[in-house]
Protein backbone atom coordinates (compact mmCIF):
# COMPACT_ATOMS: atom_id res chain seq x y z
CA MET A 1 -33.82 31.80 7.64
CA ALA A 2 -31.14 32.42 10.25
CA ILE A 3 -30.98 30.00 13.18
CA LEU A 4 -29.01 30.67 16.37
CA LEU A 5 -27.72 27.64 18.27
CA THR A 6 -27.16 28.43 21.95
CA GLY A 7 -26.28 26.54 25.12
CA ILE A 8 -23.27 24.86 23.52
CA THR A 9 -19.60 24.35 24.22
CA ALA A 10 -18.00 25.06 20.84
CA ALA A 11 -14.74 23.46 19.73
CA THR A 12 -13.87 25.74 16.83
CA MET A 13 -10.66 23.80 15.98
CA GLN A 14 -8.80 27.05 15.44
CA GLY A 15 -5.49 27.20 17.31
CA GLY A 16 -6.14 23.77 18.80
CA TYR A 17 -9.52 23.00 20.31
CA GLY A 18 -10.39 26.70 20.24
CA LEU A 19 -12.98 26.17 22.96
CA ILE A 20 -15.73 28.71 23.55
CA PRO A 21 -17.78 27.84 26.67
CA ASP A 22 -21.42 28.91 26.77
CA ALA A 23 -21.23 29.71 23.06
CA ALA A 24 -23.67 30.52 20.30
CA LEU A 25 -23.44 29.90 16.57
CA LEU A 26 -25.54 31.55 13.86
CA ILE A 27 -26.42 29.60 10.71
CA GLU A 28 -27.58 31.41 7.58
CA GLY A 29 -28.35 29.15 4.66
CA GLU A 30 -25.57 26.59 4.28
CA THR A 31 -22.90 28.56 6.12
CA ILE A 32 -21.84 29.75 9.55
CA ALA A 33 -22.58 33.47 9.84
CA TRP A 34 -21.31 34.13 13.38
CA ILE A 35 -19.84 32.32 16.37
CA GLY A 36 -18.90 33.60 19.82
CA PRO A 37 -20.04 33.87 23.44
CA ARG A 38 -23.79 33.60 23.90
CA SER A 39 -23.76 36.94 25.72
CA ALA A 40 -22.70 38.66 22.47
CA ALA A 41 -24.93 36.72 20.09
CA PRO A 42 -27.04 38.51 17.46
CA LYS A 43 -30.83 38.29 17.57
CA ALA A 44 -32.31 35.35 15.65
CA GLN A 45 -34.62 32.39 16.04
CA THR A 46 -32.95 30.38 18.80
CA ILE A 47 -32.49 26.70 19.56
CA ASP A 48 -31.10 26.02 23.04
CA LEU A 49 -29.06 22.83 23.11
CA ASN A 50 -28.66 22.51 26.87
CA GLY A 51 -24.91 22.09 27.11
CA LYS A 52 -24.17 19.94 24.06
CA LEU A 53 -20.63 19.89 22.64
CA LEU A 54 -20.45 21.38 19.14
CA THR A 55 -17.65 20.47 16.71
CA PRO A 56 -17.20 20.74 12.97
CA GLY A 57 -18.62 17.73 11.16
CA LEU A 58 -16.05 14.94 11.04
CA ILE A 59 -14.17 14.35 7.79
CA ASP A 60 -12.86 10.94 6.71
CA ALA A 61 -10.03 11.73 4.29
CA HIS A 62 -9.06 8.17 3.32
CA THR A 63 -11.51 5.34 2.61
CA HIS A 64 -12.07 2.47 0.20
CA LEU A 65 -15.76 2.44 1.04
CA VAL A 66 -17.07 1.06 -2.27
CA PHE A 67 -16.34 -2.64 -2.77
CA ALA A 68 -18.03 -6.03 -2.96
CA GLY A 69 -17.61 -9.04 -0.70
CA ASN A 70 -15.46 -9.31 2.41
CA ARG A 71 -12.15 -10.86 3.48
CA ALA A 72 -12.93 -12.43 6.84
CA ALA A 73 -11.11 -15.59 5.73
CA GLU A 74 -7.89 -13.61 5.36
CA PHE A 75 -8.39 -12.22 8.84
CA GLU A 76 -8.27 -15.79 10.08
CA LEU A 77 -5.16 -16.53 8.01
CA ARG A 78 -3.33 -13.57 9.50
CA LEU A 79 -4.24 -14.75 12.99
CA GLN A 80 -2.62 -18.07 12.07
CA GLY A 81 0.60 -16.29 11.14
CA ALA A 82 0.31 -15.36 7.45
CA SER A 83 1.55 -11.88 6.60
CA TYR A 84 -0.24 -9.27 4.49
CA GLU A 85 2.48 -9.62 1.83
CA GLU A 86 2.24 -13.45 1.77
CA ILE A 87 -1.52 -13.36 1.31
CA ALA A 88 -1.20 -10.77 -1.48
CA ARG A 89 1.48 -12.72 -3.33
CA GLN A 90 -0.71 -15.85 -3.25
CA GLY A 91 -3.53 -14.04 -5.05
CA GLY A 92 -5.45 -12.93 -1.99
CA GLY A 93 -5.59 -9.48 -0.49
CA ILE A 94 -6.67 -6.71 -2.82
CA LEU A 95 -7.04 -9.11 -5.75
CA SER A 96 -9.70 -11.18 -3.97
CA THR A 97 -11.80 -8.03 -3.58
CA VAL A 98 -11.11 -7.22 -7.24
CA THR A 99 -12.76 -10.51 -8.25
CA ALA A 100 -15.89 -9.74 -6.22
CA THR A 101 -16.05 -6.11 -7.34
CA ARG A 102 -15.69 -6.95 -11.02
CA ALA A 103 -18.61 -9.38 -10.70
CA ALA A 104 -20.83 -6.78 -9.02
CA SER A 105 -23.05 -4.32 -10.87
CA GLU A 106 -23.09 -0.63 -10.02
CA ASP A 107 -26.36 -1.18 -8.17
CA ASP A 108 -24.82 -4.12 -6.29
CA LEU A 109 -21.94 -1.91 -5.18
CA ILE A 110 -24.32 0.76 -3.92
CA ALA A 111 -26.42 -1.80 -2.03
CA GLN A 112 -23.34 -3.23 -0.31
CA SER A 113 -21.68 0.13 0.37
CA LEU A 114 -24.65 2.12 1.66
CA PRO A 115 -24.76 0.37 5.07
CA ARG A 116 -21.08 1.23 5.56
CA LEU A 117 -21.79 4.85 4.68
CA ASP A 118 -24.73 4.94 7.10
CA ALA A 119 -22.51 3.53 9.87
CA MET A 120 -20.02 6.33 9.27
CA ILE A 121 -22.76 8.97 9.34
CA ALA A 122 -24.00 7.59 12.65
CA GLN A 123 -20.55 8.31 14.13
CA GLY A 124 -20.46 11.97 13.05
CA MET A 125 -18.95 11.83 9.57
CA THR A 126 -20.24 14.57 7.26
CA THR A 127 -17.58 14.47 4.49
CA VAL A 128 -15.89 11.35 3.13
CA GLU A 129 -13.34 10.53 0.45
CA ILE A 130 -13.98 7.32 -1.51
CA LYS A 131 -11.36 5.68 -3.71
CA SER A 132 -11.67 3.30 -6.62
CA GLY A 133 -9.01 0.60 -6.95
CA TYR A 134 -10.87 -2.72 -6.81
CA GLY A 135 -11.82 -2.82 -10.49
CA LEU A 136 -8.41 -2.63 -12.17
CA THR A 137 -9.96 -2.36 -15.62
CA ALA A 138 -11.02 0.95 -17.10
CA GLU A 139 -14.67 -0.14 -17.14
CA ASP A 140 -14.69 -1.42 -13.54
CA GLU A 141 -12.79 1.56 -12.15
CA LEU A 142 -15.36 3.89 -13.72
CA LYS A 143 -18.14 1.70 -12.32
CA MET A 144 -16.78 2.15 -8.81
CA LEU A 145 -16.45 5.91 -9.21
CA ARG A 146 -19.99 6.21 -10.54
CA ALA A 147 -21.25 4.23 -7.54
CA ALA A 148 -19.40 6.55 -5.19
CA ARG A 149 -20.91 9.62 -6.82
CA ARG A 150 -24.39 8.09 -6.59
CA LEU A 151 -23.96 7.44 -2.87
CA GLY A 152 -23.61 11.20 -2.48
CA GLN A 153 -27.06 11.60 -4.03
CA LEU A 154 -28.61 9.15 -1.57
CA ARG A 155 -27.31 10.74 1.62
CA PRO A 156 -26.68 14.38 2.67
CA VAL A 157 -22.91 13.86 3.08
CA THR A 158 -20.25 15.39 0.85
CA ILE A 159 -18.37 12.70 -1.09
CA THR A 160 -15.08 13.34 -2.85
CA THR A 161 -13.83 10.66 -5.23
CA THR A 162 -10.28 9.49 -5.86
CA HIS A 163 -8.99 7.49 -8.83
CA LEU A 164 -6.89 4.58 -7.49
CA ALA A 165 -6.46 2.34 -10.52
CA ALA A 166 -2.79 2.05 -9.49
CA HIS A 167 -3.76 0.03 -6.41
CA ALA A 168 -2.59 -3.44 -7.44
CA ILE A 169 -1.42 -5.26 -10.55
CA PRO A 170 -4.26 -7.46 -11.86
CA PRO A 171 -3.59 -11.07 -12.88
CA GLU A 172 -3.84 -10.31 -16.58
CA TYR A 173 -0.92 -7.88 -16.21
CA LYS A 174 1.23 -10.01 -13.91
CA GLY A 175 4.87 -9.15 -14.60
CA ASN A 176 3.85 -6.17 -16.72
CA ALA A 177 3.14 -3.31 -14.33
CA ASP A 178 4.42 -0.76 -16.85
CA GLY A 179 1.90 -2.03 -19.39
CA TYR A 180 -0.89 -1.74 -16.82
CA ILE A 181 0.01 1.87 -16.04
CA ASN A 182 0.19 2.75 -19.75
CA GLU A 183 -2.84 0.77 -20.93
CA VAL A 184 -5.28 0.95 -17.99
CA ALA A 185 -4.35 3.39 -15.23
CA ILE A 186 -3.56 6.46 -17.33
CA PRO A 187 -6.33 5.94 -19.96
CA SER A 188 -8.96 5.29 -17.23
CA LEU A 189 -7.75 8.44 -15.49
CA SER A 190 -8.45 10.48 -18.61
CA ALA A 191 -11.85 8.82 -19.07
CA ALA A 192 -12.86 9.45 -15.46
CA LYS A 193 -11.78 13.07 -15.68
CA ALA A 194 -13.79 13.55 -18.88
CA GLU A 195 -16.87 12.11 -17.15
CA GLY A 196 -16.41 14.34 -14.10
CA LEU A 197 -15.95 11.40 -11.76
CA ILE A 198 -12.78 12.24 -9.88
CA ASP A 199 -11.41 14.91 -7.58
CA ALA A 200 -7.92 13.47 -7.03
CA VAL A 201 -5.56 10.64 -8.04
CA ASP A 202 -3.90 8.11 -5.72
CA ALA A 203 -1.50 5.16 -6.08
CA PHE A 204 0.03 2.43 -3.93
CA CYS A 205 3.80 2.85 -4.00
CA GLU A 206 5.15 -0.37 -2.54
CA THR A 207 7.17 -3.50 -3.34
CA ILE A 208 3.92 -5.48 -3.86
CA ALA A 209 2.38 -2.74 -6.00
CA PHE A 210 3.97 0.07 -8.06
CA THR A 211 7.45 1.55 -8.21
CA PRO A 212 8.19 5.25 -7.70
CA ALA A 213 8.96 5.56 -11.43
CA GLN A 214 5.58 4.11 -12.39
CA VAL A 215 3.76 6.33 -9.92
CA ASP A 216 5.70 9.34 -11.14
CA ARG A 217 4.45 8.68 -14.69
CA LEU A 218 0.86 8.42 -13.47
CA PHE A 219 1.12 11.57 -11.37
CA THR A 220 2.62 13.50 -14.27
CA ALA A 221 -0.42 12.54 -16.36
CA ALA A 222 -2.77 13.47 -13.52
CA ARG A 223 -1.26 16.90 -13.02
CA ALA A 224 -1.37 17.54 -16.79
CA LEU A 225 -5.14 17.06 -16.45
CA GLY A 226 -5.25 19.55 -13.57
CA LEU A 227 -5.85 16.91 -10.91
CA ARG A 228 -4.35 16.89 -7.41
CA VAL A 229 -2.57 13.76 -6.18
CA LYS A 230 -2.11 11.78 -2.97
CA LEU A 231 -0.21 8.59 -2.23
CA HIS A 232 -0.22 5.37 -0.21
CA ALA A 233 3.38 5.70 0.96
CA GLU A 234 5.83 3.89 3.22
CA GLN A 235 3.27 1.46 4.67
CA LEU A 236 5.33 -1.73 4.42
CA SER A 237 8.75 -0.37 3.46
CA ASP A 238 10.52 2.88 2.63
CA GLN A 239 10.18 3.46 -1.11
CA SER A 240 10.75 7.24 -0.83
CA GLY A 241 7.12 7.62 -1.80
CA ALA A 242 6.56 10.60 0.48
CA GLU A 243 9.37 12.47 -1.27
CA LEU A 244 7.81 11.61 -4.63
CA ALA A 245 4.41 12.79 -3.40
CA ALA A 246 5.92 16.05 -2.16
CA ARG A 247 7.57 16.69 -5.54
CA HIS A 248 4.09 16.56 -7.06
CA ALA A 249 2.65 18.90 -4.38
CA ALA A 250 0.48 16.06 -3.10
CA LEU A 251 -2.47 16.79 -0.87
CA SER A 252 -1.42 13.94 1.41
CA ALA A 253 0.86 10.96 1.83
CA ASP A 254 -0.84 8.23 3.87
CA HIS A 255 0.13 5.31 6.15
CA LEU A 256 3.82 6.33 6.64
CA GLU A 257 4.87 3.62 9.09
CA HIS A 258 8.33 3.53 7.42
CA LEU A 259 8.62 7.25 6.70
CA SER A 260 12.19 8.60 6.68
CA ALA A 261 13.54 11.91 7.94
CA GLU A 262 14.00 12.94 4.29
CA GLY A 263 10.36 12.16 3.59
CA ILE A 264 9.23 14.22 6.57
CA ALA A 265 11.33 17.19 5.45
CA ALA A 266 9.97 16.96 1.91
CA MET A 267 6.37 16.84 3.15
CA ALA A 268 6.96 19.83 5.41
CA ARG A 269 8.36 21.87 2.52
CA ALA A 270 5.51 20.93 0.20
CA GLY A 271 2.71 21.38 2.74
CA THR A 272 1.65 17.75 2.23
CA VAL A 273 -0.60 16.36 4.97
CA ALA A 274 0.35 13.12 6.73
CA GLY A 275 -2.54 10.66 6.61
CA ILE A 276 -2.48 8.59 9.81
CA LEU A 277 -4.36 5.30 9.47
CA PRO A 278 -4.30 3.35 12.75
CA GLY A 279 -6.99 0.88 11.66
CA ALA A 280 -4.66 -0.85 9.19
CA PHE A 281 -1.80 -0.82 11.72
CA TYR A 282 -4.10 -2.46 14.29
CA THR A 283 -5.65 -5.04 11.96
CA LEU A 284 -2.32 -6.10 10.48
CA ARG A 285 -0.79 -6.21 13.97
CA ASP A 286 2.01 -3.98 12.77
CA THR A 287 4.73 -2.93 15.19
CA HIS A 288 6.42 -0.15 13.19
CA ILE A 289 4.78 3.05 14.44
CA PRO A 290 4.63 6.11 12.16
CA PRO A 291 7.08 8.83 13.28
CA ILE A 292 4.43 10.98 14.98
CA THR A 293 6.92 12.86 17.16
CA ALA A 294 9.08 13.79 14.17
CA LEU A 295 6.05 14.81 12.09
CA ARG A 296 4.86 16.98 14.98
CA ALA A 297 8.28 18.59 15.37
CA ALA A 298 8.45 19.34 11.63
CA GLY A 299 5.03 21.00 11.67
CA VAL A 300 3.49 18.49 9.25
CA PRO A 301 -0.30 18.51 9.73
CA MET A 302 -1.71 15.05 10.50
CA ALA A 303 -5.08 13.81 9.31
CA VAL A 304 -6.66 10.75 10.93
CA ALA A 305 -8.88 8.47 8.83
CA THR A 306 -10.59 5.09 9.03
CA ASP A 307 -9.01 3.66 5.85
CA CYS A 308 -12.28 1.72 5.64
CA ASN A 309 -11.55 -1.27 3.42
CA PRO A 310 -12.37 -4.99 3.34
CA GLY A 311 -8.91 -6.33 4.11
CA SER A 312 -6.75 -4.29 6.42
CA SER A 313 -9.17 -1.86 8.08
CA PRO A 314 -12.84 -2.93 8.11
CA MET A 315 -13.72 0.07 10.28
CA THR A 316 -16.44 2.70 9.87
CA SER A 317 -16.00 4.84 13.02
CA LEU A 318 -13.89 7.98 12.99
CA PRO A 319 -14.05 8.32 16.81
CA LEU A 320 -12.61 4.79 17.04
CA ALA A 321 -9.84 5.78 14.62
CA MET A 322 -9.16 8.79 16.86
CA ASN A 323 -8.94 6.56 19.92
CA MET A 324 -6.52 4.24 18.11
CA ALA A 325 -4.37 7.19 16.96
CA CYS A 326 -4.03 8.26 20.58
CA THR A 327 -3.61 4.83 22.15
CA LEU A 328 -1.39 3.21 19.52
CA PHE A 329 0.53 6.22 18.20
CA ARG A 330 0.49 8.59 21.18
CA MET A 331 -1.24 11.40 19.32
CA THR A 332 -3.04 13.77 21.66
CA PRO A 333 -6.86 13.93 21.66
CA GLU A 334 -6.53 17.48 20.32
CA GLU A 335 -4.36 16.27 17.44
CA ALA A 336 -6.80 13.44 16.75
CA LEU A 337 -9.76 15.81 16.49
CA LEU A 338 -7.78 18.22 14.33
CA GLY A 339 -6.98 15.16 12.23
CA THR A 340 -10.66 14.50 11.55
CA THR A 341 -11.64 18.16 11.07
CA ALA A 342 -9.27 20.95 10.02
CA HIS A 343 -6.36 18.76 8.88
CA ALA A 344 -8.65 16.25 7.18
CA ALA A 345 -10.22 19.09 5.19
CA ARG A 346 -6.76 20.17 4.11
CA ALA A 347 -5.94 16.58 3.07
CA LEU A 348 -8.89 16.75 0.68
CA GLY A 349 -8.18 20.28 -0.55
CA LEU A 350 -11.44 21.56 0.96
CA ALA A 351 -11.05 25.08 2.32
CA ASP A 352 -14.73 25.57 3.25
CA ARG A 353 -14.99 23.19 6.21
CA GLY A 354 -13.16 21.67 9.15
CA THR A 355 -13.39 24.65 11.54
CA LEU A 356 -16.17 26.70 13.12
CA ALA A 357 -15.79 30.18 11.67
CA PRO A 358 -17.90 32.69 9.72
CA GLY A 359 -18.10 31.76 6.06
CA MET A 360 -17.43 28.07 6.62
CA ARG A 361 -19.92 25.42 5.54
CA ALA A 362 -22.33 24.59 8.37
CA ASP A 363 -21.47 20.92 8.60
CA LEU A 364 -21.73 20.41 12.35
CA CYS A 365 -21.89 17.71 15.00
CA LEU A 366 -23.63 18.00 18.33
CA TRP A 367 -22.40 15.51 20.92
CA ASN A 368 -23.68 14.31 24.28
CA LEU A 369 -20.26 15.14 25.73
CA THR A 370 -18.79 17.94 27.80
CA HIS A 371 -15.24 18.16 26.38
CA PRO A 372 -13.79 17.28 22.95
CA ALA A 373 -11.16 14.97 24.49
CA GLU A 374 -14.01 12.56 25.21
CA LEU A 375 -14.31 11.81 21.48
CA SER A 376 -10.93 10.05 21.62
CA TYR A 377 -11.28 8.78 25.17
CA ARG A 378 -14.49 6.79 24.88
CA ILE A 379 -14.35 3.44 23.06
CA GLY A 380 -17.44 2.51 21.10
CA ALA A 381 -19.61 5.19 22.69
CA GLU A 382 -22.83 6.29 20.99
CA ALA A 383 -22.16 9.95 21.70
CA LEU A 384 -23.59 11.71 18.64
CA HIS A 385 -26.73 13.74 19.37
CA LYS A 386 -27.24 15.17 15.88
CA SER A 387 -25.40 16.03 12.67
CA ILE A 388 -26.17 19.13 10.64
CA PHE A 389 -25.34 18.99 6.93
CA GLY A 390 -24.95 22.32 5.16
CA GLY A 391 -27.11 24.12 7.70
CA HIS A 392 -30.06 21.72 7.36
CA LEU A 393 -31.17 20.98 10.90
CA ASP A 394 -33.79 18.49 9.69
CA ALA A 395 -31.36 16.27 7.74
């Protein structure tokens, strides 16, 4: 049955905000059938929304949502002066979450992760990417990916899954990162692909993780399996990871605090999205801002994500990430909303969402706001009126 939403201000996110005042939008099944001024709307059963702001459903293109335990103790250590690298080299950081995640069952992971997913949904998220990377054995990486897929059966959101076995070097492979790539990361990639558990492949290219050569070998294996890639790049230092990602036609390169001009140019040529993750920058009290102005000038699309994870970004609100992107990085509110809609969809390789247009999936958010800039302006506001998932108004 077709439903016509009226009495809305629509931010189509085409050509910027793409605002249509006093708009109407027609939903047929799971898709948008028409959008335009209410005065030109087709006849259909109507729901008048009395001036609500309508946007595409928000898309979180970079999260580590599935994990066990927490790292509040490390938060205290950092406040006392310890660096992220120091904590990691002493066996903390990612590896402390690995210990907790390995000990957890698949059901345990779902029970601990579902409240985080619900918190994201309450802030307007309708599509989310979830990475593995806290198992670091083939069995535990697959366990995480299965848990992520099951979360998508428990809630109406769309979940895409990313294989991130190349996240850290586990203790049993200390000093043997090449062996880990050859014996765990690549074989678990093949196993996950065979089980239908992954949509993309990621890695952490950094001095405390994996070298460009090791990542290149993993990405070559991923692309041979027909999988798209993305990369944690240039977060702590310039390892030329963005250039490597671009050579593999990566969907995105994320973090980018130490991104070079050469990396920007390579991303622009390849069409690789820049993943902007202000939550980690904020939590780690970083001072090296990603080159937003240069990315903007080069025409590189910028996605904005929570980077929800237990160590460096324990955040579940995309509007808060948008506020941080504006306040800390001087992105505009328009860029921030594009970064959680149209550009986020591109970062996940999803062409059916992120804008309000005929034929697009009817993942929608209705807000108790008058202008889309308010989504970045307000801090901690409970502004969501209702989310619509695939045209289902009763979800």
